[in-house]
All heavy atoms as atom14 arrays in JSON, in Angstrom:
{
  "sequence": "VTKGKPHPEIYQKCAKAINRENANCIVFEDALSGIQAGKSAGSKIV",
  "atom14_mask": [
    [1, 1, 1, 1, 1, 1, 1, 0, 0, 0, 0, 0, 0, 0],
    [1, 1, 1, 1, 1, 1, 1, 0, 0, 0, 0, 0, 0, 0],
    [1, 1, 1, 1, 1, 1, 1, 1, 1, 0, 0, 0, 0, 0],
    [1, 1, 1, 1, 0, 0, 0, 0, 0, 0, 0, 0, 0, 0],
    [1, 1, 1, 1, 1, 1, 1, 1, 1, 0, 0, 0, 0, 0],
    [1, 1, 1, 1, 1, 1, 1, 0, 0, 0, 0, 0, 0, 0],
    [1, 1, 1, 1, 1, 1, 1, 1, 1, 1, 0, 0, 0, 0],
    [1, 1, 1, 1, 1, 1, 1, 0, 0, 0, 0, 0, 0, 0],
    [1, 1, 1, 1, 1, 1, 1, 1, 1, 0, 0, 0, 0, 0],
    [1, 1, 1, 1, 1, 1, 1, 1, 0, 0, 0, 0, 0, 0],
    [1, 1, 1, 1, 1, 1, 1, 1, 1, 1, 1, 1, 0, 0],
    [1, 1, 1, 1, 1, 1, 1, 1, 1, 0, 0, 0, 0, 0],
    [1, 1, 1, 1, 1, 1, 1, 1, 1, 0, 0, 0, 0, 0],
    [1, 1, 1, 1, 1, 1, 0, 0, 0, 0, 0, 0, 0, 0],
    [1, 1, 1, 1, 1, 0, 0, 0, 0, 0, 0, 0, 0, 0],
    [1, 1, 1, 1, 1, 1, 1, 1, 1, 0, 0, 0, 0, 0],
    [1, 1, 1, 1, 1, 0, 0, 0, 0, 0, 0, 0, 0, 0],
    [1, 1, 1, 1, 1, 1, 1, 1, 0, 0, 0, 0, 0, 0],
    [1, 1, 1, 1, 1, 1, 1, 1, 0, 0, 0, 0, 0, 0],
    [1, 1, 1, 1, 1, 1, 1, 1, 1, 1, 1, 0, 0, 0],
    [1, 1, 1, 1, 1, 1, 1, 1, 1, 0, 0, 0, 0, 0],
    [1, 1, 1, 1, 1, 1, 1, 1, 0, 0, 0, 0, 0, 0],
    [1, 1, 1, 1, 1, 0, 0, 0, 0, 0, 0, 0, 0, 0],
    [1, 1, 1, 1, 1, 1, 1, 1, 0, 0, 0, 0, 0, 0],
    [1, 1, 1, 1, 1, 1, 0, 0, 0, 0, 0, 0, 0, 0],
    [1, 1, 1, 1, 1, 1, 1, 1, 0, 0, 0, 0, 0, 0],
    [1, 1, 1, 1, 1, 1, 1, 0, 0, 0, 0, 0, 0, 0],
    [1, 1, 1, 1, 1, 1, 1, 1, 1, 1, 1, 0, 0, 0],
    [1, 1, 1, 1, 1, 1, 1, 1, 1, 0, 0, 0, 0, 0],
    [1, 1, 1, 1, 1, 1, 1, 1, 0, 0, 0, 0, 0, 0],
    [1, 1, 1, 1, 1, 0, 0, 0, 0, 0, 0, 0, 0, 0],
    [1, 1, 1, 1, 1, 1, 1, 1, 0, 0, 0, 0, 0, 0],
    [1, 1, 1, 1, 1, 1, 0, 0, 0, 0, 0, 0, 0, 0],
    [1, 1, 1, 1, 0, 0, 0, 0, 0, 0, 0, 0, 0, 0],
    [1, 1, 1, 1, 1, 1, 1, 1, 0, 0, 0, 0, 0, 0],
    [1, 1, 1, 1, 1, 1, 1, 1, 1, 0, 0, 0, 0, 0],
    [1, 1, 1, 1, 1, 0, 0, 0, 0, 0, 0, 0, 0, 0],
    [1, 1, 1, 1, 0, 0, 0, 0, 0, 0, 0, 0, 0, 0],
    [1, 1, 1, 1, 1, 1, 1, 1, 1, 0, 0, 0, 0, 0],
    [1, 1, 1, 1, 1, 1, 0, 0, 0, 0, 0, 0, 0, 0],
    [1, 1, 1, 1, 1, 0, 0, 0, 0, 0, 0, 0, 0, 0],
    [1, 1, 1, 1, 0, 0, 0, 0, 0, 0, 0, 0, 0, 0],
    [1, 1, 1, 1, 1, 1, 0, 0, 0, 0, 0, 0, 0, 0],
    [1, 1, 1, 1, 1, 1, 1, 1, 1, 0, 0, 0, 0, 0],
    [1, 1, 1, 1, 1, 1, 1, 1, 0, 0, 0, 0, 0, 0],
    [1, 1, 1, 1, 1, 1, 1, 0, 0, 0, 0, 0, 0, 0]
  ],
  "atom14_positions": [
    [[0.83, -1.21, 0.01], [-0.01, 0.02, 0.04], [0.89, 1.23, -0.01], [2.0, 1.24, 0.43], [-0.93, 0.02, 1.23], [-1.95, -1.09, 1.14], [-0.18, -0.04, 2.52], [0.0, 0.0, 0.0], [0.0, 0.0, 0.0], [0.0, 0.0, 0.0], [0.0, 0.0, 0.0], [0.0, 0.0, 0.0], [0.0, 0.0, 0.0], [0.0, 0.0, 0.0]],
    [[0.3, 2.29, -0.48], [0.95, 3.61, -0.46], [0.31, 4.56, 0.53], [0.9, 5.55, 0.92], [0.92, 4.26, -1.85], [-0.45, 4.43, -2.29], [1.66, 3.42, -2.87], [0.0, 0.0, 0.0], [0.0, 0.0, 0.0], [0.0, 0.0, 0.0], [0.0, 0.0, 0.0], [0.0, 0.0, 0.0], [0.0, 0.0, 0.0], [0.0, 0.0, 0.0]],
    [[-0.91, 4.2, 0.96], [-1.62, 5.06, 1.91], [-1.99, 4.19, 3.14], [-2.64, 3.16, 3.0], [-2.89, 5.6, 1.26], [-2.62, 6.45, 0.0], [-3.92, 6.95, -0.6], [-3.7, 7.76, -1.85], [-3.17, 6.91, -2.96], [0.0, 0.0, 0.0], [0.0, 0.0, 0.0], [0.0, 0.0, 0.0], [0.0, 0.0, 0.0], [0.0, 0.0, 0.0]],
    [[-1.64, 4.69, 4.33], [-1.99, 3.94, 5.51], [-3.42, 4.14, 5.96], [-4.09, 5.04, 5.48], [0.0, 0.0, 0.0], [0.0, 0.0, 0.0], [0.0, 0.0, 0.0], [0.0, 0.0, 0.0], [0.0, 0.0, 0.0], [0.0, 0.0, 0.0], [0.0, 0.0, 0.0], [0.0, 0.0, 0.0], [0.0, 0.0, 0.0], [0.0, 0.0, 0.0]],
    [[-3.84, 3.35, 6.86], [-5.17, 3.49, 7.47], [-5.2, 4.87, 8.18], [-4.2, 5.28, 8.71], [-5.45, 2.36, 8.53], [-5.33, 0.99, 7.89], [-5.34, -0.02, 9.04], [-5.08, -1.44, 8.51], [-5.03, -2.44, 9.56], [0.0, 0.0, 0.0], [0.0, 0.0, 0.0], [0.0, 0.0, 0.0], [0.0, 0.0, 0.0], [0.0, 0.0, 0.0]],
    [[-6.33, 5.61, 8.11], [-7.68, 5.19, 7.84], [-8.05, 5.19, 6.33], [-9.19, 5.02, 6.02], [-8.55, 6.22, 8.56], [-7.7, 7.49, 8.54], [-6.27, 6.98, 8.67], [0.0, 0.0, 0.0], [0.0, 0.0, 0.0], [0.0, 0.0, 0.0], [0.0, 0.0, 0.0], [0.0, 0.0, 0.0], [0.0, 0.0, 0.0], [0.0, 0.0, 0.0]],
    [[-7.08, 5.42, 5.44], [-7.42, 5.25, 3.98], [-7.8, 3.8, 3.75], [-7.19, 2.89, 4.28], [-6.19, 5.64, 3.15], [-6.53, 5.82, 1.72], [-6.62, 4.78, 0.83], [-6.75, 6.96, 1.01], [-6.93, 5.23, -0.35], [-7.0, 6.56, -0.34], [0.0, 0.0, 0.0], [0.0, 0.0, 0.0], [0.0, 0.0, 0.0], [0.0, 0.0, 0.0]],
    [[-8.77, 3.59, 2.9], [-9.29, 2.23, 2.68], [-8.46, 1.34, 1.75], [-8.78, 0.21, 1.5], [-10.68, 2.47, 2.06], [-10.51, 3.8, 1.31], [-9.62, 4.6, 2.21], [0.0, 0.0, 0.0], [0.0, 0.0, 0.0], [0.0, 0.0, 0.0], [0.0, 0.0, 0.0], [0.0, 0.0, 0.0], [0.0, 0.0, 0.0], [0.0, 0.0, 0.0]],
    [[-7.32, 1.84, 1.23], [-6.57, 1.12, 0.21], [-6.26, -0.33, 0.59], [-6.51, -1.26, -0.2], [-5.26, 1.82, -0.09], [-4.41, 1.16, -1.17], [-3.05, 1.78, -1.39], [-2.65, 2.62, -0.58], [-2.38, 1.41, -2.38], [0.0, 0.0, 0.0], [0.0, 0.0, 0.0], [0.0, 0.0, 0.0], [0.0, 0.0, 0.0], [0.0, 0.0, 0.0]],
    [[-5.78, -0.54, 1.82], [-5.41, -1.9, 2.2], [-6.6, -2.88, 2.16], [-6.48, -4.02, 1.67], [-4.79, -1.91, 3.63], [-4.33, -3.33, 3.99], [-5.77, -1.44, 4.68], [-3.12, -3.83, 3.24], [0.0, 0.0, 0.0], [0.0, 0.0, 0.0], [0.0, 0.0, 0.0], [0.0, 0.0, 0.0], [0.0, 0.0, 0.0], [0.0, 0.0, 0.0]],
    [[-7.79, -2.42, 2.56], [-8.94, -3.32, 2.56], [-9.59, -3.45, 1.18], [-10.21, -4.42, 0.87], [-9.91, -2.87, 3.67], [-9.34, -3.12, 5.03], [-9.5, -2.23, 6.02], [-8.62, -4.31, 5.26], [-8.89, -2.47, 7.31], [-8.04, -4.56, 6.5], [-8.2, -3.61, 7.52], [-7.68, -3.87, 8.76], [0.0, 0.0, 0.0], [0.0, 0.0, 0.0]],
    [[-9.43, -2.42, 0.37], [-9.86, -2.54, -1.01], [-9.05, -3.64, -1.74], [-9.56, -4.46, -2.51], [-9.76, -1.19, -1.73], [-10.77, -0.16, -1.24], [-10.41, 1.24, -1.73], [-9.28, 1.53, -2.07], [-11.41, 2.11, -1.73], [0.0, 0.0, 0.0], [0.0, 0.0, 0.0], [0.0, 0.0, 0.0], [0.0, 0.0, 0.0], [0.0, 0.0, 0.0]],
    [[-7.74, -3.58, -1.53], [-6.86, -4.56, -2.13], [-7.03, -5.97, -1.61], [-6.9, -6.94, -2.28], [-5.43, -4.09, -2.0], [-5.05, -2.91, -2.88], [-3.6, -2.55, -2.79], [-3.26, -1.45, -3.82], [-1.84, -1.07, -3.84], [0.0, 0.0, 0.0], [0.0, 0.0, 0.0], [0.0, 0.0, 0.0], [0.0, 0.0, 0.0], [0.0, 0.0, 0.0]],
    [[-7.38, -6.05, -0.29], [-7.67, -7.36, 0.31], [-8.86, -8.02, -0.35], [-8.82, -9.22, -0.7], [-7.9, -7.21, 1.8], [-6.41, -7.04, 2.8], [0.0, 0.0, 0.0], [0.0, 0.0, 0.0], [0.0, 0.0, 0.0], [0.0, 0.0, 0.0], [0.0, 0.0, 0.0], [0.0, 0.0, 0.0], [0.0, 0.0, 0.0], [0.0, 0.0, 0.0]],
    [[-9.92, -7.24, -0.55], [-11.14, -7.8, -1.17], [-10.82, -8.3, -2.59], [-11.23, -9.39, -3.01], [-12.24, -6.75, -1.17], [0.0, 0.0, 0.0], [0.0, 0.0, 0.0], [0.0, 0.0, 0.0], [0.0, 0.0, 0.0], [0.0, 0.0, 0.0], [0.0, 0.0, 0.0], [0.0, 0.0, 0.0], [0.0, 0.0, 0.0], [0.0, 0.0, 0.0]],
    [[-10.08, -7.49, -3.32], [-9.69, -7.82, -4.67], [-8.85, -9.12, -4.69], [-8.99, -9.98, -5.58], [-8.95, -6.72, -5.33], [-8.65, -6.92, -6.82], [-8.0, -5.72, -7.42], [-7.73, -5.91, -8.9], [-7.12, -4.71, -9.51], [0.0, 0.0, 0.0], [0.0, 0.0, 0.0], [0.0, 0.0, 0.0], [0.0, 0.0, 0.0], [0.0, 0.0, 0.0]],
    [[-7.98, -9.29, -3.68], [-7.09, -10.44, -3.63], [-7.85, -11.76, -3.44], [-7.35, -12.81, -3.91], [-6.09, -10.26, -2.47], [0.0, 0.0, 0.0], [0.0, 0.0, 0.0], [0.0, 0.0, 0.0], [0.0, 0.0, 0.0], [0.0, 0.0, 0.0], [0.0, 0.0, 0.0], [0.0, 0.0, 0.0], [0.0, 0.0, 0.0], [0.0, 0.0, 0.0]],
    [[-9.01, -11.67, -2.84], [-9.81, -12.93, -2.69], [-11.07, -12.93, -3.58], [-11.97, -13.67, -3.37], [-10.25, -13.13, -1.2], [-10.95, -11.9, -0.61], [-9.03, -13.48, -0.35], [-11.48, -12.09, 0.74], [0.0, 0.0, 0.0], [0.0, 0.0, 0.0], [0.0, 0.0, 0.0], [0.0, 0.0, 0.0], [0.0, 0.0, 0.0], [0.0, 0.0, 0.0]],
    [[-11.03, -12.03, -4.58], [-12.09, -11.97, -5.6], [-13.48, -11.76, -5.0], [-14.43, -12.46, -5.32], [-12.04, -13.28, -6.44], [-12.84, -13.16, -7.73], [-12.93, -12.06, -8.34], [-13.41, -14.27, -8.18], [0.0, 0.0, 0.0], [0.0, 0.0, 0.0], [0.0, 0.0, 0.0], [0.0, 0.0, 0.0], [0.0, 0.0, 0.0], [0.0, 0.0, 0.0]],
    [[-13.52, -10.79, -4.12], [-14.81, -10.43, -3.44], [-15.02, -8.94, -3.58], [-14.07, -8.18, -3.68], [-14.73, -10.85, -1.95], [-14.71, -12.33, -1.72], [-16.03, -12.96, -2.09], [-16.15, -14.35, -1.71], [-15.76, -15.37, -2.51], [-15.24, -15.14, -3.7], [-15.9, -16.63, -2.1], [0.0, 0.0, 0.0], [0.0, 0.0, 0.0], [0.0, 0.0, 0.0]],
    [[-16.29, -8.55, -3.51], [-16.67, -7.14, -3.42], [-16.5, -6.74, -1.94], [-16.81, -7.53, -1.05], [-18.1, -6.95, -3.86], [-18.35, -7.23, -5.32], [-17.61, -6.33, -6.26], [-17.45, -5.15, -5.93], [-17.29, -6.78, -7.36], [0.0, 0.0, 0.0], [0.0, 0.0, 0.0], [0.0, 0.0, 0.0], [0.0, 0.0, 0.0], [0.0, 0.0, 0.0]],
    [[-16.1, -5.52, -1.7], [-15.96, -5.08, -0.31], [-17.3, -5.1, 0.44], [-17.3, -5.41, 1.67], [-15.42, -3.63, -0.23], [-13.92, -3.61, -0.26], [-13.28, -3.28, -1.27], [-13.27, -3.94, 0.88], [0.0, 0.0, 0.0], [0.0, 0.0, 0.0], [0.0, 0.0, 0.0], [0.0, 0.0, 0.0], [0.0, 0.0, 0.0], [0.0, 0.0, 0.0]],
    [[-18.36, -4.93, -0.23], [-19.69, -4.98, 0.39], [-19.99, -6.39, 0.9], [-20.85, -6.53, 1.81], [-20.78, -4.52, -0.59], [0.0, 0.0, 0.0], [0.0, 0.0, 0.0], [0.0, 0.0, 0.0], [0.0, 0.0, 0.0], [0.0, 0.0, 0.0], [0.0, 0.0, 0.0], [0.0, 0.0, 0.0], [0.0, 0.0, 0.0], [0.0, 0.0, 0.0]],
    [[-19.31, -7.39, 0.39], [-19.55, -8.77, 0.83], [-18.44, -9.26, 1.76], [-18.28, -10.47, 2.01], [-19.6, -9.7, -0.37], [-20.91, -9.47, -1.21], [-21.91, -9.1, -0.67], [-20.78, -9.62, -2.51], [0.0, 0.0, 0.0], [0.0, 0.0, 0.0], [0.0, 0.0, 0.0], [0.0, 0.0, 0.0], [0.0, 0.0, 0.0], [0.0, 0.0, 0.0]],
    [[-17.63, -8.29, 2.27], [-16.53, -8.67, 3.17], [-16.76, -8.12, 4.56], [-17.41, -7.06, 4.75], [-15.18, -8.1, 2.65], [-14.57, -8.93, 1.21], [0.0, 0.0, 0.0], [0.0, 0.0, 0.0], [0.0, 0.0, 0.0], [0.0, 0.0, 0.0], [0.0, 0.0, 0.0], [0.0, 0.0, 0.0], [0.0, 0.0, 0.0], [0.0, 0.0, 0.0]],
    [[-16.26, -8.86, 5.55], [-16.19, -8.4, 6.91], [-14.73, -8.15, 7.29], [-13.86, -9.0, 7.04], [-16.79, -9.37, 7.89], [-18.32, -9.48, 7.69], [-16.5, -9.01, 9.32], [-19.03, -10.45, 8.6], [0.0, 0.0, 0.0], [0.0, 0.0, 0.0], [0.0, 0.0, 0.0], [0.0, 0.0, 0.0], [0.0, 0.0, 0.0], [0.0, 0.0, 0.0]],
    [[-14.46, -6.96, 7.83], [-13.11, -6.63, 8.3], [-13.09, -6.81, 9.78], [-13.92, -6.25, 10.51], [-12.77, -5.18, 7.94], [-11.48, -4.76, 8.6], [-12.63, -5.02, 6.39], [0.0, 0.0, 0.0], [0.0, 0.0, 0.0], [0.0, 0.0, 0.0], [0.0, 0.0, 0.0], [0.0, 0.0, 0.0], [0.0, 0.0, 0.0], [0.0, 0.0, 0.0]],
    [[-12.14, -7.58, 10.32], [-11.92, -7.73, 11.72], [-10.81, -6.77, 12.16], [-9.65, -6.88, 11.66], [-11.51, -9.17, 12.06], [-12.57, -10.17, 11.86], [-12.89, -10.65, 10.6], [-13.37, -10.62, 12.94], [-13.9, -11.59, 10.42], [-14.36, -11.55, 12.76], [-14.66, -12.03, 11.51], [0.0, 0.0, 0.0], [0.0, 0.0, 0.0], [0.0, 0.0, 0.0]],
    [[-11.13, -5.82, 13.0], [-10.21, -4.72, 13.37], [-10.3, -4.39, 14.83], [-11.33, -4.62, 15.45], [-10.57, -3.47, 12.52], [-9.66, -3.2, 11.37], [-8.26, -2.69, 11.77], [-7.96, -2.56, 12.98], [-7.43, -2.46, 10.88], [0.0, 0.0, 0.0], [0.0, 0.0, 0.0], [0.0, 0.0, 0.0], [0.0, 0.0, 0.0], [0.0, 0.0, 0.0]],
    [[-9.2, -3.85, 15.34], [-9.24, -3.33, 16.72], [-8.93, -1.84, 16.77], [-9.32, -1.18, 17.72], [-8.13, -4.04, 17.53], [-6.72, -3.65, 17.1], [-6.38, -3.86, 15.92], [-5.95, -3.14, 17.92], [0.0, 0.0, 0.0], [0.0, 0.0, 0.0], [0.0, 0.0, 0.0], [0.0, 0.0, 0.0], [0.0, 0.0, 0.0], [0.0, 0.0, 0.0]],
    [[-8.2, -1.31, 15.79], [-7.77, 0.11, 15.83], [-8.83, 1.02, 15.25], [-9.52, 0.65, 14.3], [-6.47, 0.3, 15.1], [0.0, 0.0, 0.0], [0.0, 0.0, 0.0], [0.0, 0.0, 0.0], [0.0, 0.0, 0.0], [0.0, 0.0, 0.0], [0.0, 0.0, 0.0], [0.0, 0.0, 0.0], [0.0, 0.0, 0.0], [0.0, 0.0, 0.0]],
    [[-8.94, 2.22, 15.81], [-9.93, 3.16, 15.31], [-9.66, 3.53, 13.87], [-10.62, 3.66, 13.05], [-9.94, 4.42, 16.21], [-10.24, 4.23, 17.69], [-10.25, 5.58, 18.4], [-11.52, 3.48, 17.91], [0.0, 0.0, 0.0], [0.0, 0.0, 0.0], [0.0, 0.0, 0.0], [0.0, 0.0, 0.0], [0.0, 0.0, 0.0], [0.0, 0.0, 0.0]],
    [[-8.41, 3.75, 13.49], [-8.04, 4.04, 12.14], [-8.39, 2.9, 11.18], [-8.81, 3.07, 10.04], [-6.59, 4.43, 11.99], [-5.74, 3.37, 12.39], [0.0, 0.0, 0.0], [0.0, 0.0, 0.0], [0.0, 0.0, 0.0], [0.0, 0.0, 0.0], [0.0, 0.0, 0.0], [0.0, 0.0, 0.0], [0.0, 0.0, 0.0], [0.0, 0.0, 0.0]],
    [[-8.22, 1.66, 11.64], [-8.53, 0.51, 10.82], [-10.01, 0.28, 10.67], [-10.47, -0.14, 9.61], [0.0, 0.0, 0.0], [0.0, 0.0, 0.0], [0.0, 0.0, 0.0], [0.0, 0.0, 0.0], [0.0, 0.0, 0.0], [0.0, 0.0, 0.0], [0.0, 0.0, 0.0], [0.0, 0.0, 0.0], [0.0, 0.0, 0.0], [0.0, 0.0, 0.0]],
    [[-10.8, 0.55, 11.7], [-12.24, 0.48, 11.62], [-12.72, 1.44, 10.58], [-13.6, 1.15, 9.76], [-12.89, 0.75, 13.0], [-12.62, -0.48, 13.91], [-14.4, 0.94, 12.85], [-13.0, -0.24, 15.37], [0.0, 0.0, 0.0], [0.0, 0.0, 0.0], [0.0, 0.0, 0.0], [0.0, 0.0, 0.0], [0.0, 0.0, 0.0], [0.0, 0.0, 0.0]],
    [[-12.2, 2.67, 10.63], [-12.56, 3.67, 9.61], [-12.19, 3.25, 8.24], [-12.92, 3.47, 7.27], [-11.96, 5.03, 9.95], [-12.4, 6.16, 9.03], [-13.85, 6.38, 9.0], [-14.5, 6.53, 10.04], [-14.46, 6.26, 7.8], [0.0, 0.0, 0.0], [0.0, 0.0, 0.0], [0.0, 0.0, 0.0], [0.0, 0.0, 0.0], [0.0, 0.0, 0.0]],
    [[-11.01, 2.65, 8.08], [-10.55, 2.17, 6.8], [-11.52, 1.1, 6.24], [-11.89, 1.13, 5.04], [-9.16, 1.57, 6.87], [0.0, 0.0, 0.0], [0.0, 0.0, 0.0], [0.0, 0.0, 0.0], [0.0, 0.0, 0.0], [0.0, 0.0, 0.0], [0.0, 0.0, 0.0], [0.0, 0.0, 0.0], [0.0, 0.0, 0.0], [0.0, 0.0, 0.0]],
    [[-11.94, 0.18, 7.08], [-12.89, -0.83, 6.69], [-14.2, -0.27, 6.25], [-14.79, -0.68, 5.2], [0.0, 0.0, 0.0], [0.0, 0.0, 0.0], [0.0, 0.0, 0.0], [0.0, 0.0, 0.0], [0.0, 0.0, 0.0], [0.0, 0.0, 0.0], [0.0, 0.0, 0.0], [0.0, 0.0, 0.0], [0.0, 0.0, 0.0], [0.0, 0.0, 0.0]],
    [[-14.71, 0.67, 7.02], [-15.97, 1.29, 6.72], [-15.88, 2.08, 5.39], [-16.79, 2.03, 4.51], [-16.41, 2.26, 7.82], [-16.85, 1.54, 9.09], [-17.25, 2.56, 10.18], [-17.78, 1.89, 11.39], [-18.17, 2.88, 12.45], [0.0, 0.0, 0.0], [0.0, 0.0, 0.0], [0.0, 0.0, 0.0], [0.0, 0.0, 0.0], [0.0, 0.0, 0.0]],
    [[-14.78, 2.8, 5.21], [-14.61, 3.6, 4.01], [-14.46, 2.7, 2.77], [-14.82, 3.15, 1.65], [-13.36, 4.49, 4.1], [-13.51, 5.43, 5.14], [0.0, 0.0, 0.0], [0.0, 0.0, 0.0], [0.0, 0.0, 0.0], [0.0, 0.0, 0.0], [0.0, 0.0, 0.0], [0.0, 0.0, 0.0], [0.0, 0.0, 0.0], [0.0, 0.0, 0.0]],
    [[-14.0, 1.49, 2.97], [-13.89, 0.53, 1.85], [-15.27, -0.05, 1.47], [-15.45, -0.65, 0.42], [-12.96, -0.59, 2.2], [0.0, 0.0, 0.0], [0.0, 0.0, 0.0], [0.0, 0.0, 0.0], [0.0, 0.0, 0.0], [0.0, 0.0, 0.0], [0.0, 0.0, 0.0], [0.0, 0.0, 0.0], [0.0, 0.0, 0.0], [0.0, 0.0, 0.0]],
    [[-16.25, 0.12, 2.4], [-17.58, -0.37, 2.14], [-17.85, -1.7, 2.76], [-18.83, -2.4, 2.38], [0.0, 0.0, 0.0], [0.0, 0.0, 0.0], [0.0, 0.0, 0.0], [0.0, 0.0, 0.0], [0.0, 0.0, 0.0], [0.0, 0.0, 0.0], [0.0, 0.0, 0.0], [0.0, 0.0, 0.0], [0.0, 0.0, 0.0], [0.0, 0.0, 0.0]],
    [[-17.03, -2.14, 3.64], [-17.14, -3.46, 4.25], [-17.87, -3.42, 5.57], [-17.97, -2.34, 6.24], [-15.76, -4.1, 4.48], [-15.12, -4.35, 3.22], [0.0, 0.0, 0.0], [0.0, 0.0, 0.0], [0.0, 0.0, 0.0], [0.0, 0.0, 0.0], [0.0, 0.0, 0.0], [0.0, 0.0, 0.0], [0.0, 0.0, 0.0], [0.0, 0.0, 0.0]],
    [[-18.34, -4.55, 6.08], [-18.89, -4.72, 7.39], [-17.7, -4.77, 8.39], [-16.59, -5.12, 8.0], [-19.72, -5.92, 7.53], [-20.91, -6.0, 6.53], [-21.92, -4.9, 6.81], [-23.16, -5.12, 5.89], [-24.18, -4.1, 6.18], [0.0, 0.0, 0.0], [0.0, 0.0, 0.0], [0.0, 0.0, 0.0], [0.0, 0.0, 0.0], [0.0, 0.0, 0.0]],
    [[-17.96, -4.51, 9.68], [-16.91, -4.45, 10.65], [-17.25, -5.31, 11.88], [-18.32, -5.21, 12.47], [-16.69, -3.01, 11.16], [-16.38, -2.03, 10.0], [-15.57, -2.99, 12.23], [-15.07, -2.31, 9.29], [0.0, 0.0, 0.0], [0.0, 0.0, 0.0], [0.0, 0.0, 0.0], [0.0, 0.0, 0.0], [0.0, 0.0, 0.0], [0.0, 0.0, 0.0]],
    [[-16.3, -6.17, 12.23], [-16.3, -6.81, 13.56], [-15.13, -6.17, 14.31], [-14.0, -6.34, 13.93], [-16.12, -8.33, 13.48], [-15.96, -8.9, 14.88], [-17.31, -8.94, 12.81], [0.0, 0.0, 0.0], [0.0, 0.0, 0.0], [0.0, 0.0, 0.0], [0.0, 0.0, 0.0], [0.0, 0.0, 0.0], [0.0, 0.0, 0.0], [0.0, 0.0, 0.0]]
  ]
}
């Protein structure tokens, strides 16, 4: 990645890596910046 969390880049690329839409992914996160990154990517959050 070139942009750290809370930018969604990492989670956008994760979804692509497993051939999924972000809307169909759940991100497991603990950090506030990571939670925001997951939300900004359009994913659900645990």
